[in-house]
């Protein structure tokens, strides 16, 4: 029986740098949610990095989609990544964890509350996690 891909981690950050040669990732400004002054709020560019594991031995490419959705209202942003020719990649092993930083150019959050990140590989949901968007006010206001 074939294995099913899973998303073993989801990380939010302001930026991601992949080191040439080693392939190591550095996450710049990692965060767990947004604290914003008001709504609607438009973010600057940020990254959602997904870690995909448990690939099928026959995996030749990956199609990954990340949806950012408001829990009660639906998708507010969606981005995808395509990794082709994995079987030709140096050192590729289907048992390894593939780290995929996905840039979100900007997202408009219509209201405060709970949002969810949903990760799909080839259309199948493989992972999700919440992200909270909170409104902050200046002290004394």
N, C-alpha and C. Protein backbone atom coordinates (compact mmCIF):
# COMPACT_ATOMS: atom_id res chain seq x y z
N UNK A 1 0.85 -1.19 0.00
CA UNK A 1 0.00 0.00 0.00
C UNK A 1 0.89 1.24 0.00
N UNK A 2 0.54 2.22 -0.82
CA UNK A 2 1.31 3.47 -0.88
C UNK A 2 1.09 4.29 0.38
N UNK A 3 2.11 5.06 0.73
CA UNK A 3 2.00 5.98 1.85
C UNK A 3 1.22 7.22 1.41
N UNK A 4 0.73 7.95 2.37
CA UNK A 4 0.01 9.19 2.08
C UNK A 4 0.86 10.37 2.55
N UNK A 5 1.06 11.37 1.70
CA UNK A 5 1.83 12.55 2.11
C UNK A 5 1.16 13.24 3.30
N UNK A 6 1.99 13.82 4.17
CA UNK A 6 1.48 14.58 5.29
C UNK A 6 2.26 15.88 5.40
N UNK A 7 1.65 16.84 6.07
CA UNK A 7 2.33 18.10 6.35
C UNK A 7 2.74 18.05 7.81
N UNK A 8 4.05 17.94 8.03
CA UNK A 8 4.55 17.76 9.40
C UNK A 8 4.81 19.09 10.11
N UNK A 9 4.83 20.21 9.39
CA UNK A 9 5.01 21.52 10.03
C UNK A 9 4.55 22.63 9.09
N UNK A 10 4.08 23.73 9.70
CA UNK A 10 3.70 24.95 8.97
C UNK A 10 4.28 26.11 9.76
N UNK A 11 5.14 26.92 9.12
CA UNK A 11 5.81 28.02 9.80
C UNK A 11 5.49 29.33 9.07
N UNK A 12 5.13 30.37 9.84
CA UNK A 12 4.89 31.71 9.30
C UNK A 12 6.14 32.56 9.54
N UNK A 13 6.55 33.33 8.54
CA UNK A 13 7.71 34.23 8.73
C UNK A 13 7.64 35.40 7.76
N UNK A 14 8.38 36.46 8.11
CA UNK A 14 8.45 37.63 7.23
C UNK A 14 9.27 37.33 5.98
N UNK A 15 10.29 36.47 6.13
CA UNK A 15 11.15 36.13 5.01
C UNK A 15 11.78 34.76 5.26
N UNK A 16 12.29 34.16 4.18
CA UNK A 16 12.98 32.88 4.26
C UNK A 16 14.19 32.97 3.34
N UNK A 17 15.32 32.50 3.84
CA UNK A 17 16.55 32.47 3.03
C UNK A 17 17.00 31.02 2.96
N UNK A 18 17.27 30.54 1.73
CA UNK A 18 17.82 29.19 1.56
C UNK A 18 19.31 29.34 1.25
N UNK A 19 20.13 28.78 2.11
CA UNK A 19 21.58 28.87 1.97
C UNK A 19 22.06 28.07 0.77
N UNK A 20 22.86 28.73 -0.07
CA UNK A 20 23.43 28.06 -1.23
C UNK A 20 24.40 26.97 -0.78
N UNK A 21 24.34 25.84 -1.39
CA UNK A 21 25.25 24.75 -1.04
C UNK A 21 24.65 23.78 -0.05
N UNK A 22 24.27 24.26 1.13
CA UNK A 22 23.73 23.36 2.15
C UNK A 22 22.22 23.18 2.04
N UNK A 23 21.54 24.17 1.45
CA UNK A 23 20.09 24.11 1.36
C UNK A 23 19.37 24.43 2.66
N UNK A 24 20.11 24.84 3.70
CA UNK A 24 19.49 25.17 4.98
C UNK A 24 18.59 26.38 4.85
N UNK A 25 17.47 26.35 5.58
CA UNK A 25 16.56 27.48 5.60
C UNK A 25 16.79 28.32 6.85
N UNK A 26 16.74 29.64 6.68
CA UNK A 26 16.73 30.58 7.80
C UNK A 26 15.41 31.32 7.74
N UNK A 27 14.68 31.29 8.85
CA UNK A 27 13.39 31.98 8.94
C UNK A 27 13.63 33.33 9.61
N UNK A 28 13.27 34.39 8.92
CA UNK A 28 13.45 35.75 9.42
C UNK A 28 12.10 36.27 9.91
N UNK A 29 12.04 36.61 11.19
CA UNK A 29 10.81 37.16 11.75
C UNK A 29 9.67 36.16 11.80
N UNK A 30 9.89 35.01 12.41
CA UNK A 30 8.80 34.03 12.50
C UNK A 30 7.73 34.56 13.46
N UNK A 31 6.50 34.18 13.21
CA UNK A 31 5.39 34.67 14.03
C UNK A 31 4.28 33.63 14.08
N UNK A 32 3.35 33.85 15.00
CA UNK A 32 2.24 32.92 15.21
C UNK A 32 0.89 33.51 14.83
N UNK A 33 0.85 34.83 14.59
CA UNK A 33 -0.40 35.48 14.24
C UNK A 33 -0.15 36.94 13.92
N UNK A 34 -1.20 37.66 13.64
CA UNK A 34 -1.10 39.08 13.30
C UNK A 34 -1.80 39.91 14.37
N UNK A 35 -1.15 40.98 14.82
CA UNK A 35 -1.74 41.98 15.70
C UNK A 35 -1.77 43.27 14.90
N UNK A 36 -2.97 43.72 14.56
CA UNK A 36 -3.11 44.81 13.60
C UNK A 36 -3.94 45.96 14.18
N UNK A 37 -3.77 47.18 13.61
CA UNK A 37 -4.47 48.35 14.17
C UNK A 37 -5.94 48.45 13.79
N UNK A 38 -6.36 47.85 12.68
CA UNK A 38 -7.75 47.98 12.27
C UNK A 38 -8.05 47.12 11.05
N UNK A 39 -9.31 47.14 10.63
CA UNK A 39 -9.76 46.30 9.52
C UNK A 39 -10.55 47.10 8.51
N UNK A 40 -10.51 46.71 7.25
CA UNK A 40 -9.71 45.60 6.72
C UNK A 40 -8.22 45.91 6.82
N UNK A 41 -7.40 44.86 6.95
CA UNK A 41 -5.95 45.02 7.08
C UNK A 41 -5.27 44.27 5.94
N UNK A 42 -4.32 44.94 5.26
CA UNK A 42 -3.56 44.31 4.19
C UNK A 42 -2.13 44.11 4.67
N UNK A 43 -1.67 42.87 4.63
CA UNK A 43 -0.33 42.54 5.11
C UNK A 43 0.72 42.89 4.07
N UNK A 44 1.96 43.10 4.51
CA UNK A 44 3.07 43.09 3.56
C UNK A 44 3.33 41.62 3.19
N UNK A 45 4.23 41.39 2.25
CA UNK A 45 4.56 40.03 1.85
C UNK A 45 5.07 39.24 3.06
N UNK A 46 4.67 37.97 3.12
CA UNK A 46 5.16 37.06 4.15
C UNK A 46 5.21 35.66 3.55
N UNK A 47 5.77 34.72 4.30
CA UNK A 47 5.92 33.35 3.81
C UNK A 47 5.20 32.38 4.73
N UNK A 48 4.62 31.37 4.12
CA UNK A 48 4.14 30.20 4.84
C UNK A 48 4.98 29.04 4.31
N UNK A 49 5.80 28.46 5.19
CA UNK A 49 6.66 27.35 4.79
C UNK A 49 6.03 26.06 5.29
N UNK A 50 5.85 25.13 4.37
CA UNK A 50 5.25 23.84 4.71
C UNK A 50 6.31 22.74 4.59
N UNK A 51 6.22 21.78 5.47
CA UNK A 51 7.13 20.64 5.48
C UNK A 51 6.32 19.41 5.09
N UNK A 52 6.58 18.88 3.91
CA UNK A 52 5.83 17.74 3.40
C UNK A 52 6.68 16.49 3.56
N UNK A 53 6.08 15.47 4.17
CA UNK A 53 6.80 14.22 4.41
C UNK A 53 5.93 13.04 3.99
N UNK A 54 6.52 11.86 4.12
CA UNK A 54 5.79 10.62 3.83
C UNK A 54 5.37 10.54 2.36
N UNK A 55 6.28 10.94 1.47
CA UNK A 55 5.96 10.91 0.04
C UNK A 55 5.92 9.48 -0.46
N UNK A 56 5.17 9.28 -1.51
CA UNK A 56 5.11 7.97 -2.14
C UNK A 56 6.44 7.69 -2.85
N UNK A 57 6.89 6.44 -2.85
CA UNK A 57 8.15 6.11 -3.55
C UNK A 57 8.12 6.46 -5.03
N UNK A 58 6.93 6.55 -5.61
CA UNK A 58 6.79 6.86 -7.04
C UNK A 58 6.66 8.35 -7.32
N UNK A 59 6.80 9.20 -6.28
CA UNK A 59 6.63 10.64 -6.44
C UNK A 59 7.67 11.20 -7.41
N UNK A 60 7.20 11.86 -8.45
CA UNK A 60 8.08 12.49 -9.43
C UNK A 60 8.02 14.01 -9.34
N UNK A 61 6.88 14.53 -8.84
CA UNK A 61 6.71 15.97 -8.68
C UNK A 61 5.68 16.22 -7.57
N UNK A 62 5.69 17.44 -7.06
CA UNK A 62 4.75 17.83 -6.02
C UNK A 62 4.00 19.08 -6.45
N UNK A 63 2.70 19.05 -6.29
CA UNK A 63 1.86 20.22 -6.48
C UNK A 63 1.26 20.55 -5.12
N UNK A 64 1.69 21.68 -4.55
CA UNK A 64 1.27 22.06 -3.21
C UNK A 64 0.46 23.35 -3.28
N UNK A 65 -0.69 23.34 -2.63
CA UNK A 65 -1.54 24.54 -2.54
C UNK A 65 -1.75 24.87 -1.07
N UNK A 66 -1.61 26.14 -0.74
CA UNK A 66 -1.84 26.61 0.63
C UNK A 66 -2.97 27.64 0.57
N UNK A 67 -4.06 27.33 1.26
CA UNK A 67 -5.19 28.25 1.36
C UNK A 67 -5.19 28.87 2.75
N UNK A 68 -5.42 30.16 2.80
CA UNK A 68 -5.60 30.88 4.06
C UNK A 68 -7.07 31.27 4.08
N UNK A 69 -7.79 30.70 5.04
CA UNK A 69 -9.24 30.91 5.04
C UNK A 69 -9.74 31.45 6.37
N UNK A 70 -10.75 32.28 6.26
CA UNK A 70 -11.45 32.74 7.45
C UNK A 70 -12.37 31.59 7.85
N UNK A 71 -12.32 31.17 9.10
CA UNK A 71 -12.99 29.94 9.53
C UNK A 71 -14.47 29.92 9.13
N UNK A 72 -15.18 31.03 9.27
CA UNK A 72 -16.61 31.01 8.99
C UNK A 72 -16.98 31.54 7.61
N UNK A 73 -16.02 32.15 6.88
CA UNK A 73 -16.41 32.82 5.64
C UNK A 73 -15.73 32.28 4.37
N UNK A 74 -14.63 31.58 4.49
CA UNK A 74 -14.00 31.02 3.29
C UNK A 74 -12.61 31.56 3.01
N UNK A 75 -12.10 31.24 1.83
CA UNK A 75 -10.72 31.54 1.45
C UNK A 75 -10.50 33.04 1.27
N UNK A 76 -9.44 33.57 1.90
CA UNK A 76 -9.07 34.97 1.71
C UNK A 76 -7.81 35.08 0.85
N UNK A 77 -7.02 33.99 0.75
CA UNK A 77 -5.83 33.99 -0.10
C UNK A 77 -5.42 32.54 -0.38
N UNK A 78 -4.81 32.35 -1.54
CA UNK A 78 -4.36 31.02 -1.91
C UNK A 78 -3.10 31.16 -2.77
N UNK A 79 -2.09 30.35 -2.49
CA UNK A 79 -0.87 30.32 -3.29
C UNK A 79 -0.47 28.87 -3.50
N UNK A 80 0.30 28.63 -4.55
CA UNK A 80 0.72 27.26 -4.79
C UNK A 80 2.17 27.19 -5.22
N UNK A 81 2.69 25.98 -5.18
CA UNK A 81 4.06 25.71 -5.61
C UNK A 81 4.08 24.39 -6.36
N UNK A 82 4.91 24.33 -7.37
CA UNK A 82 5.08 23.11 -8.14
C UNK A 82 6.56 22.74 -8.12
N UNK A 83 6.87 21.57 -7.61
CA UNK A 83 8.24 21.06 -7.63
C UNK A 83 8.27 19.91 -8.62
N UNK A 84 8.93 20.12 -9.73
CA UNK A 84 9.00 19.10 -10.77
C UNK A 84 10.32 18.36 -10.75
N UNK A 85 10.35 17.22 -11.40
CA UNK A 85 11.56 16.41 -11.57
C UNK A 85 12.23 16.05 -10.25
N UNK A 86 11.45 15.69 -9.25
CA UNK A 86 12.04 15.32 -7.96
C UNK A 86 12.92 14.09 -8.06
N UNK A 87 12.55 13.16 -8.94
CA UNK A 87 13.35 11.94 -9.04
C UNK A 87 14.75 12.21 -9.57
N UNK A 88 14.94 13.38 -10.22
CA UNK A 88 16.26 13.75 -10.73
C UNK A 88 17.03 14.66 -9.77
N UNK A 89 16.38 15.09 -8.69
CA UNK A 89 17.03 16.01 -7.75
C UNK A 89 18.13 15.27 -6.98
N UNK A 90 19.22 15.95 -6.81
CA UNK A 90 20.36 15.36 -6.11
C UNK A 90 19.98 15.00 -4.68
N UNK A 91 20.16 13.75 -4.32
CA UNK A 91 19.90 13.30 -2.96
C UNK A 91 18.44 13.12 -2.61
N UNK A 92 17.52 13.21 -3.57
CA UNK A 92 16.10 13.07 -3.25
C UNK A 92 15.80 11.64 -2.80
N UNK A 93 15.06 11.55 -1.72
CA UNK A 93 14.60 10.28 -1.19
C UNK A 93 13.15 10.51 -0.76
N UNK A 94 12.21 9.67 -1.18
CA UNK A 94 10.80 9.91 -0.82
C UNK A 94 10.52 9.90 0.68
N UNK A 95 11.46 9.40 1.49
CA UNK A 95 11.27 9.39 2.94
C UNK A 95 11.68 10.71 3.59
N UNK A 96 12.35 11.58 2.83
CA UNK A 96 12.81 12.84 3.39
C UNK A 96 11.67 13.84 3.55
N UNK A 97 11.91 14.88 4.33
CA UNK A 97 10.96 15.98 4.49
C UNK A 97 11.34 17.05 3.48
N UNK A 98 10.37 17.48 2.67
CA UNK A 98 10.60 18.53 1.68
C UNK A 98 10.08 19.84 2.27
N UNK A 99 10.96 20.83 2.36
CA UNK A 99 10.62 22.14 2.92
C UNK A 99 10.28 23.09 1.77
N UNK A 100 9.08 23.63 1.78
CA UNK A 100 8.61 24.46 0.67
C UNK A 100 8.15 25.82 1.18
N UNK A 101 9.00 26.86 1.05
CA UNK A 101 8.57 28.22 1.40
C UNK A 101 7.66 28.77 0.29
N UNK A 102 6.50 29.26 0.68
CA UNK A 102 5.55 29.79 -0.30
C UNK A 102 5.28 31.25 0.04
N UNK A 103 5.66 32.17 -0.87
CA UNK A 103 5.43 33.59 -0.60
C UNK A 103 3.97 33.99 -0.82
N UNK A 104 3.45 34.77 0.10
CA UNK A 104 2.13 35.37 -0.05
C UNK A 104 2.38 36.87 -0.26
N UNK A 105 2.13 37.39 -1.47
CA UNK A 105 2.47 38.80 -1.76
C UNK A 105 1.80 39.78 -0.82
N UNK A 106 0.55 39.60 -0.54
CA UNK A 106 -0.19 40.36 0.46
C UNK A 106 -1.53 39.68 0.64
N UNK A 107 -2.07 39.84 1.81
CA UNK A 107 -3.37 39.24 2.14
C UNK A 107 -4.21 40.32 2.80
N UNK A 108 -5.46 40.41 2.41
CA UNK A 108 -6.38 41.32 3.08
C UNK A 108 -7.23 40.54 4.05
N UNK A 109 -7.08 40.86 5.33
CA UNK A 109 -7.91 40.26 6.37
C UNK A 109 -9.11 41.18 6.59
N UNK A 110 -10.33 40.70 6.38
CA UNK A 110 -11.50 41.55 6.50
C UNK A 110 -11.92 41.83 7.95
N UNK A 111 -11.54 40.95 8.87
CA UNK A 111 -11.98 41.11 10.25
C UNK A 111 -11.05 40.34 11.19
N UNK A 112 -11.14 40.69 12.48
CA UNK A 112 -10.34 39.95 13.45
C UNK A 112 -10.95 38.56 13.63
N UNK A 113 -10.14 37.66 14.19
CA UNK A 113 -10.68 36.34 14.49
C UNK A 113 -9.74 35.22 14.12
N UNK A 114 -10.31 34.03 14.10
CA UNK A 114 -9.55 32.82 13.80
C UNK A 114 -9.58 32.54 12.30
N UNK A 115 -8.40 32.32 11.77
CA UNK A 115 -8.23 31.91 10.37
C UNK A 115 -7.54 30.56 10.39
N UNK A 116 -7.53 29.89 9.25
CA UNK A 116 -6.88 28.58 9.17
C UNK A 116 -6.07 28.47 7.90
N UNK A 117 -4.92 27.84 8.02
CA UNK A 117 -4.11 27.50 6.87
C UNK A 117 -4.38 26.04 6.55
N UNK A 118 -4.72 25.78 5.29
CA UNK A 118 -4.97 24.41 4.83
C UNK A 118 -3.97 24.09 3.73
N UNK A 119 -3.28 22.96 3.86
CA UNK A 119 -2.26 22.55 2.91
C UNK A 119 -2.76 21.34 2.14
N UNK A 120 -2.66 21.42 0.81
CA UNK A 120 -3.06 20.31 -0.05
C UNK A 120 -1.90 19.89 -0.95
N UNK A 121 -1.74 18.60 -1.13
CA UNK A 121 -0.78 18.05 -2.09
C UNK A 121 -1.61 17.30 -3.13
N UNK A 122 -1.46 17.72 -4.37
CA UNK A 122 -2.23 17.13 -5.47
C UNK A 122 -3.73 17.09 -5.15
N UNK A 123 -4.22 18.16 -4.53
CA UNK A 123 -5.64 18.29 -4.25
C UNK A 123 -6.11 17.66 -2.95
N UNK A 124 -5.29 16.85 -2.30
CA UNK A 124 -5.68 16.18 -1.06
C UNK A 124 -5.18 16.98 0.16
N UNK A 125 -6.05 17.19 1.14
CA UNK A 125 -5.65 17.90 2.36
C UNK A 125 -4.66 17.05 3.13
N UNK A 126 -3.49 17.65 3.44
CA UNK A 126 -2.44 16.92 4.16
C UNK A 126 -2.10 17.57 5.50
N UNK A 127 -2.61 18.77 5.76
CA UNK A 127 -2.33 19.43 7.03
C UNK A 127 -3.04 20.76 7.14
N UNK A 128 -3.14 21.24 8.37
CA UNK A 128 -3.74 22.55 8.63
C UNK A 128 -3.32 23.04 10.00
N UNK A 129 -3.45 24.33 10.21
CA UNK A 129 -3.20 24.93 11.53
C UNK A 129 -3.90 26.26 11.60
N UNK A 130 -4.24 26.70 12.81
CA UNK A 130 -4.90 27.99 12.96
C UNK A 130 -3.89 29.14 12.96
N UNK A 131 -4.39 30.30 12.62
CA UNK A 131 -3.65 31.55 12.80
C UNK A 131 -4.69 32.58 13.24
N UNK A 132 -4.32 33.38 14.26
CA UNK A 132 -5.26 34.34 14.80
C UNK A 132 -4.86 35.75 14.40
N UNK A 133 -5.87 36.55 14.06
CA UNK A 133 -5.68 37.95 13.69
C UNK A 133 -6.41 38.77 14.75
N UNK A 134 -5.63 39.57 15.47
CA UNK A 134 -6.16 40.36 16.59
C UNK A 134 -6.02 41.84 16.31
N UNK A 135 -6.99 42.61 16.84
CA UNK A 135 -6.89 44.05 16.74
C UNK A 135 -6.26 44.58 18.01
N UNK A 136 -5.27 45.47 17.84
CA UNK A 136 -4.63 46.09 19.00
C UNK A 136 -4.97 47.57 19.02
N UNK A 137 -4.97 48.14 20.18
CA UNK A 137 -5.21 49.57 20.31
C UNK A 137 -4.06 50.18 21.11
N UNK A 138 -3.81 51.42 20.85
CA UNK A 138 -2.76 52.13 21.59
C UNK A 138 -3.19 52.32 23.03
N UNK A 139 -2.24 52.25 23.97
CA UNK A 139 -2.59 52.47 25.39
C UNK A 139 -3.24 53.85 25.57
N UNK A 140 -4.28 53.89 26.38
CA UNK A 140 -4.94 55.15 26.69
C UNK A 140 -5.93 55.61 25.65
N UNK A 141 -6.20 54.78 24.64
CA UNK A 141 -7.16 55.23 23.63
C UNK A 141 -8.51 54.60 23.86
